[in-house]
N, C-alpha and C. Protein backbone atom coordinates (compact mmCIF):
# COMPACT_ATOMS: atom_id res chain seq x y z
N UNK A 1 -19.74 -9.30 -10.74
CA UNK A 1 -18.08 -9.15 -10.42
C UNK A 1 -18.35 -8.04 -11.60
N UNK A 2 -16.15 -7.30 -11.37
CA UNK A 2 -16.55 -5.91 -11.98
C UNK A 2 -15.33 -6.87 -13.21
N UNK A 3 -15.83 -5.85 -14.36
CA UNK A 3 -14.68 -6.13 -15.42
C UNK A 3 -12.83 -5.29 -14.69
N UNK A 4 -12.25 -6.25 -15.32
CA UNK A 4 -11.00 -5.76 -14.77
C UNK A 4 -10.48 -4.97 -15.88
N UNK A 5 -11.30 -4.93 -17.30
CA UNK A 5 -10.79 -4.23 -17.62
C UNK A 5 -9.78 -4.41 -18.83
N UNK A 6 -9.35 -3.74 -20.59
CA UNK A 6 -7.98 -4.67 -21.23
C UNK A 6 -7.20 -4.39 -20.60
N UNK A 7 -5.36 -5.00 -20.70
CA UNK A 7 -4.60 -4.80 -20.31
C UNK A 7 -3.68 -3.14 -20.88
N UNK A 8 -2.96 -3.18 -19.75
CA UNK A 8 -2.50 -1.70 -20.38
C UNK A 8 -1.66 -1.68 -21.45
N UNK A 9 -0.86 -0.66 -22.11
CA UNK A 9 0.42 -1.21 -23.08
C UNK A 9 1.78 -1.28 -22.80
N UNK A 10 1.97 -2.32 -23.07
CA UNK A 10 3.13 -3.16 -22.83
C UNK A 10 4.28 -1.43 -22.27
N UNK A 11 5.16 -2.44 -21.50
CA UNK A 11 6.00 -1.44 -21.48
C UNK A 11 7.86 -2.49 -21.25
N UNK A 12 8.96 -1.72 -21.11
CA UNK A 12 9.92 -1.97 -20.82
C UNK A 12 10.08 -2.59 -19.82
N UNK A 13 10.96 -3.68 -19.56
CA UNK A 13 11.51 -4.06 -18.37
C UNK A 13 12.37 -3.26 -17.55
N UNK A 14 13.33 -2.14 -18.64
CA UNK A 14 13.73 -0.83 -17.77
C UNK A 14 13.26 0.26 -17.08
N UNK A 15 11.51 0.11 -17.64
CA UNK A 15 10.24 1.03 -17.14
C UNK A 15 9.84 0.30 -15.97
N UNK A 16 9.85 -1.15 -16.06
CA UNK A 16 9.14 -1.86 -14.90
C UNK A 16 9.92 -1.48 -13.25
N UNK A 17 11.42 -1.41 -13.68
CA UNK A 17 11.88 -1.48 -12.02
C UNK A 17 12.71 0.24 -12.45
N UNK A 18 11.57 0.91 -12.64
CA UNK A 18 11.78 2.34 -12.44
C UNK A 18 10.67 2.48 -11.34
N UNK A 19 10.19 1.72 -11.10
CA UNK A 19 8.68 1.14 -10.02
C UNK A 19 9.43 0.81 -8.83
N UNK A 20 9.92 1.03 -7.68
CA UNK A 20 9.97 0.77 -6.30
C UNK A 20 9.29 -0.28 -5.65
N UNK A 21 8.96 -1.04 -5.94
CA UNK A 21 7.50 -1.69 -4.72
C UNK A 21 8.58 -2.72 -3.66
N UNK A 22 8.36 -2.24 -2.61
CA UNK A 22 8.72 -3.17 -1.18
C UNK A 22 7.85 -3.34 -0.15
N UNK A 23 8.55 -4.59 0.35
CA UNK A 23 7.62 -4.98 1.34
C UNK A 23 8.11 -3.95 2.66
N UNK A 24 6.53 -4.26 3.47
CA UNK A 24 6.59 -3.26 4.66
C UNK A 24 5.89 -3.87 5.88
N UNK A 25 6.24 -3.34 6.52
CA UNK A 25 5.76 -3.82 7.68
C UNK A 25 4.71 -3.16 8.96
N UNK A 26 3.45 -3.32 8.72
CA UNK A 26 2.58 -1.99 9.72
C UNK A 26 2.91 -1.82 10.80
N UNK A 27 3.69 -0.60 10.99
CA UNK A 27 3.66 -0.79 12.66
C UNK A 27 2.46 0.13 13.45
N UNK A 28 1.69 1.02 12.49
CA UNK A 28 0.98 2.09 13.36
C UNK A 28 -0.37 1.66 12.38
N UNK A 29 -1.63 1.98 12.78
CA UNK A 29 -2.97 1.80 11.99
C UNK A 29 -3.72 2.65 13.12
N UNK A 30 -4.57 3.65 12.36
CA UNK A 30 -5.10 4.33 13.27
C UNK A 30 -6.84 4.62 12.03
N UNK A 31 -7.80 4.95 12.39
CA UNK A 31 -9.31 5.92 11.63
C UNK A 31 -8.52 6.72 11.21
N UNK A 32 -9.17 7.59 10.00
CA UNK A 32 -8.51 8.10 8.88
C UNK A 32 -10.35 9.29 8.36
N UNK A 33 -11.14 9.44 9.57
CA UNK A 33 -12.36 9.86 9.86
C UNK A 33 -12.09 11.09 8.84
N UNK A 34 -11.64 11.94 8.83
CA UNK A 34 -11.39 13.47 7.75
C UNK A 34 -11.66 12.80 6.76
N UNK A 35 -10.96 11.99 6.39
CA UNK A 35 -10.13 11.53 4.02
C UNK A 35 -12.03 11.98 4.00
N UNK A 36 -12.21 12.10 2.12
CA UNK A 36 -13.24 12.65 1.27
C UNK A 36 -14.30 10.82 1.35
N UNK A 37 -13.00 9.70 1.60
CA UNK A 37 -13.17 8.50 1.06
C UNK A 37 -13.43 7.68 2.61
N UNK A 38 -13.39 6.94 3.39
CA UNK A 38 -13.19 5.75 4.37
C UNK A 38 -11.58 5.87 4.38
N UNK A 39 -11.16 5.77 4.93
CA UNK A 39 -10.08 5.35 5.33
C UNK A 39 -8.97 5.21 5.87
N UNK A 40 -7.92 4.56 6.58
CA UNK A 40 -7.06 4.03 7.31
C UNK A 40 -5.87 5.03 7.00
N UNK A 41 -5.29 5.19 8.27
CA UNK A 41 -4.24 6.01 8.27
C UNK A 41 -2.87 4.74 8.55
N UNK A 42 -1.69 4.97 8.16
CA UNK A 42 -0.99 3.55 8.11
C UNK A 42 0.61 4.27 8.71
N UNK A 43 1.68 4.02 9.04
CA UNK A 43 2.88 3.80 9.40
C UNK A 43 3.04 2.04 8.89
N UNK A 44 4.11 2.36 8.00
CA UNK A 44 4.68 0.79 7.94
C UNK A 44 5.85 1.12 7.80
N UNK A 45 6.66 0.03 8.12
CA UNK A 45 8.34 -0.14 8.50
C UNK A 45 9.06 -1.01 7.21
N UNK A 46 9.61 -0.17 6.67
CA UNK A 46 10.50 -1.07 5.37
C UNK A 46 12.25 -1.01 5.83
N UNK A 47 11.90 -1.16 6.99
CA UNK A 47 13.75 -1.41 7.39
C UNK A 47 14.52 -0.13 6.60
N UNK A 48 16.12 -0.27 7.11
CA UNK A 48 16.56 0.58 6.18
C UNK A 48 16.96 0.27 5.06
N UNK A 49 17.39 0.93 4.64
CA UNK A 49 18.05 2.04 4.49
C UNK A 49 16.43 3.51 4.09
N UNK A 50 15.39 3.08 4.09
CA UNK A 50 14.36 3.62 3.72
C UNK A 50 13.34 4.27 5.15
N UNK A 51 13.37 2.58 6.11
CA UNK A 51 12.94 3.19 7.37
C UNK A 51 10.90 3.40 7.69
N UNK A 52 10.59 4.32 8.53
CA UNK A 52 8.68 4.18 8.59
C UNK A 52 8.67 5.51 8.08
N UNK A 53 7.23 5.10 7.09
CA UNK A 53 6.51 6.14 5.91
C UNK A 53 5.20 5.95 6.46
N UNK A 54 4.53 6.75 5.98
CA UNK A 54 3.11 6.86 6.02
C UNK A 54 2.30 6.73 4.91
N UNK A 55 1.43 5.68 5.19
CA UNK A 55 0.75 6.26 4.11
C UNK A 55 -1.12 6.11 4.30
N UNK A 56 -1.87 7.03 3.18
CA UNK A 56 -3.69 7.06 3.62
C UNK A 56 -3.96 5.45 2.31
N UNK A 57 -4.70 4.39 3.34
CA UNK A 57 -5.23 3.21 2.46
C UNK A 57 -6.89 3.26 2.43
N UNK A 58 -7.13 3.26 1.51
CA UNK A 58 -8.88 2.86 1.38
C UNK A 58 -9.70 1.55 1.39
N UNK A 59 -9.41 1.06 3.05
CA UNK A 59 -9.35 -0.13 3.07
C UNK A 59 -10.20 -0.50 3.70
N UNK A 60 -11.46 0.25 3.98
CA UNK A 60 -12.43 0.31 5.47
C UNK A 60 -12.96 -0.94 5.47
N UNK A 61 -13.45 -1.66 3.49
CA UNK A 61 -14.28 -2.36 3.65
C UNK A 61 -14.13 -4.05 4.49
N UNK A 62 -12.54 -4.41 4.18
CA UNK A 62 -12.44 -5.41 5.10
C UNK A 62 -11.31 -5.74 6.41
N UNK A 63 -10.65 -4.25 6.51
CA UNK A 63 -10.15 -4.05 7.37
C UNK A 63 -10.57 -3.22 8.55
N UNK A 64 -10.35 -3.67 9.53
CA UNK A 64 -10.08 -3.05 10.64
C UNK A 64 -8.77 -2.12 11.71
N UNK A 65 -8.27 -1.16 12.18
CA UNK A 65 -6.90 -0.94 12.45
C UNK A 65 -6.07 -1.89 13.12
N UNK A 66 -7.30 -2.11 14.12
CA UNK A 66 -6.48 -3.14 15.29
C UNK A 66 -6.17 -3.96 14.68
N UNK A 67 -6.53 -5.03 13.26
CA UNK A 67 -6.25 -5.83 12.75
C UNK A 67 -4.73 -5.97 11.95
N UNK A 68 -4.96 -4.43 11.34
CA UNK A 68 -3.59 -4.42 10.22
C UNK A 68 -1.83 -4.45 10.72
N UNK A 69 -1.95 -4.01 12.20
CA UNK A 69 -0.57 -4.09 12.80
C UNK A 69 -0.33 -5.41 12.71
N UNK A 70 1.01 -5.69 12.15
CA UNK A 70 1.71 -6.60 12.42
C UNK A 70 1.86 -7.04 10.93
N UNK A 71 0.97 -6.66 9.63
CA UNK A 71 0.80 -7.32 8.67
C UNK A 71 2.10 -6.74 7.61
N UNK A 72 2.40 -7.44 6.63
CA UNK A 72 3.40 -7.43 5.63
C UNK A 72 2.51 -7.10 4.69
N UNK A 73 2.80 -5.61 4.02
CA UNK A 73 2.05 -5.32 2.69
C UNK A 73 2.98 -4.97 1.75
N UNK A 74 2.73 -4.55 0.60
CA UNK A 74 3.47 -4.12 -0.67
C UNK A 74 2.95 -2.87 -0.95
N UNK A 75 4.34 -2.10 -1.05
CA UNK A 75 4.13 -0.65 -1.64
C UNK A 75 5.35 0.33 -2.43
N UNK A 76 4.37 1.25 -3.29
CA UNK A 76 5.84 2.03 -4.35
C UNK A 76 5.62 2.62 -3.42
N UNK A 77 7.59 3.20 -2.95
CA UNK A 77 8.23 3.96 -2.40
C UNK A 77 8.74 4.63 -2.77
N UNK A 78 8.36 5.19 -4.36
CA UNK A 78 9.23 6.27 -4.74
C UNK A 78 8.38 7.21 -5.52
N UNK A 79 6.66 7.16 -5.53
CA UNK A 79 5.89 7.73 -5.74
C UNK A 79 6.17 9.22 -4.87
N UNK A 80 5.87 10.26 -5.34
CA UNK A 80 6.27 11.40 -4.87
C UNK A 80 4.88 11.32 -3.79
N UNK A 81 5.47 12.00 -2.46
CA UNK A 81 4.32 11.96 -1.60
C UNK A 81 3.16 12.67 -1.98
N UNK A 82 2.10 12.48 -0.94
CA UNK A 82 0.42 13.17 -1.25
C UNK A 82 -0.14 13.69 -0.62
N UNK A 83 -0.79 15.00 -0.73
CA UNK A 83 -1.22 15.77 0.25
C UNK A 83 -2.92 15.22 0.33
N UNK A 84 -2.79 14.13 1.58
CA UNK A 84 -4.53 14.49 1.40
C UNK A 84 -5.11 14.50 3.01
N UNK A 85 -5.91 16.17 2.21
CA UNK A 85 -6.35 16.58 3.90
C UNK A 85 -4.87 17.04 4.39
N UNK A 86 -4.66 17.17 5.91
CA UNK A 86 -4.39 17.49 6.38
C UNK A 86 -2.81 16.57 6.40
N UNK A 87 -3.61 15.25 5.89
CA UNK A 87 -2.19 14.21 5.94
C UNK A 87 -1.35 14.29 4.83
N UNK A 88 -0.17 14.00 5.54
CA UNK A 88 0.56 13.58 3.94
C UNK A 88 1.52 11.63 3.70
N UNK A 89 1.18 11.53 2.65
CA UNK A 89 0.67 10.40 2.02
C UNK A 89 2.13 9.99 1.85
N UNK A 90 2.75 8.92 2.23
CA UNK A 90 4.46 9.19 1.42
C UNK A 90 4.47 7.56 0.93
N UNK A 91 3.54 6.69 0.71
CA UNK A 91 4.10 6.21 -0.31
C UNK A 91 2.04 5.11 -0.73
N UNK A 92 2.72 4.33 -1.62
CA UNK A 92 1.08 4.23 -2.05
C UNK A 92 0.85 2.29 -1.90
N UNK A 93 0.07 2.12 -1.00
CA UNK A 93 -0.35 0.69 -0.38
C UNK A 93 -0.69 0.09 -1.18
N UNK A 94 -0.32 -1.38 -1.84
CA UNK A 94 -0.67 -2.12 -2.89
C UNK A 94 -1.82 -2.85 -2.16
N UNK A 95 -2.86 -3.03 -3.45
CA UNK A 95 -4.07 -3.42 -3.58
C UNK A 95 -4.80 -3.84 -4.37
N UNK A 96 -5.03 -5.17 -4.56
CA UNK A 96 -6.30 -5.49 -5.80
C UNK A 96 -7.74 -4.84 -4.95
N UNK A 97 -8.70 -4.88 -6.00
CA UNK A 97 -9.55 -5.49 -6.52
C UNK A 97 -10.88 -6.90 -6.03
N UNK A 98 -11.69 -6.32 -4.87
CA UNK A 98 -12.28 -8.45 -4.89
C UNK A 98 -13.65 -8.16 -5.83
N UNK A 99 -14.57 -8.94 -5.99
CA UNK A 99 -15.57 -9.01 -6.58
C UNK A 99 -16.53 -7.68 -6.66
N UNK A 100 -16.53 -6.91 -5.48
CA UNK A 100 -17.21 -5.56 -5.85
C UNK A 100 -16.22 -4.19 -6.04
N UNK A 101 -15.17 -4.31 -6.01
CA UNK A 101 -13.88 -3.48 -6.27
C UNK A 101 -13.66 -3.42 -4.82
N UNK A 102 -13.96 -3.88 -3.89
CA UNK A 102 -13.04 -3.34 -2.27
C UNK A 102 -11.45 -3.86 -2.67
N UNK A 103 -10.68 -2.94 -2.34
CA UNK A 103 -9.60 -3.00 -1.65
C UNK A 103 -9.09 -4.24 -0.76
N UNK A 104 -8.26 -5.33 -1.59
CA UNK A 104 -7.33 -6.79 -0.96
C UNK A 104 -5.98 -6.25 -0.34
N UNK A 105 -5.64 -5.99 0.29
CA UNK A 105 -3.95 -5.51 0.51
C UNK A 105 -3.23 -6.92 0.22
N UNK A 106 -1.97 -6.55 -0.62
CA UNK A 106 -1.17 -7.50 -1.04
C UNK A 106 -0.08 -7.44 -0.41
N UNK A 107 0.32 -8.67 -0.29
CA UNK A 107 1.73 -9.03 0.86
C UNK A 107 1.58 -10.46 0.38
N UNK A 108 3.25 -11.36 1.23
CA UNK A 108 3.77 -12.15 0.86
C UNK A 108 3.11 -13.08 1.45
N UNK A 109 2.85 -14.83 0.68
CA UNK A 109 3.11 -15.61 1.38
C UNK A 109 3.50 -16.06 2.43
N UNK A 110 4.32 -15.39 2.65
CA UNK A 110 5.33 -15.90 4.47
C UNK A 110 5.76 -14.77 4.38
N UNK A 111 6.59 -14.66 5.41
CA UNK A 111 7.45 -13.85 5.94
C UNK A 111 8.75 -13.80 5.22
N UNK A 112 8.98 -12.69 5.13
CA UNK A 112 10.00 -11.76 4.62
C UNK A 112 10.91 -11.00 4.55
N UNK A 113 12.09 -10.29 5.07
CA UNK A 113 12.73 -9.38 5.86
C UNK A 113 12.19 -8.24 4.93
N UNK A 114 11.71 -6.88 5.68
CA UNK A 114 11.35 -5.51 5.77
C UNK A 114 12.46 -5.46 4.70
N UNK A 115 12.02 -3.85 3.77
CA UNK A 115 12.98 -3.70 2.77
C UNK A 115 13.20 -4.53 1.26
N UNK A 116 12.38 -5.63 1.51
CA UNK A 116 12.91 -6.71 -0.13
C UNK A 116 11.94 -5.83 -1.12
N UNK A 117 12.29 -5.84 -2.30
CA UNK A 117 11.92 -5.61 -3.79
C UNK A 117 11.57 -5.91 -4.39
N UNK A 118 10.27 -5.57 -4.86
CA UNK A 118 9.71 -6.44 -5.67
C UNK A 118 10.31 -6.48 -7.03
N UNK A 119 10.48 -7.79 -7.57
CA UNK A 119 11.38 -8.15 -8.40
C UNK A 119 10.19 -9.35 -9.78
């Protein structure tokens, strides 16, 4: 099992509110073989006014593209886009490490409307 490490230094509630974490639904998922580390290209629909955004996620250990479509996930929607090879990742899809350090996606326990903000 991997150690989680010490907690980060305290931040204010205002600092937390600067990070815009929203729920979206994966509407497209494709292998991303050109990535340096195995990844999957996602298109996630956050509803209006955010719309559809692209993300590259290193989630190949536990997920196959065909099983991801329709799944709700949490993502940071207000980071600047990041170029990953020829792909522009627009949001950071969130997950936590399993016992081996592989990503497990984070999502709600029940269906919720797309675009809802984490608080």
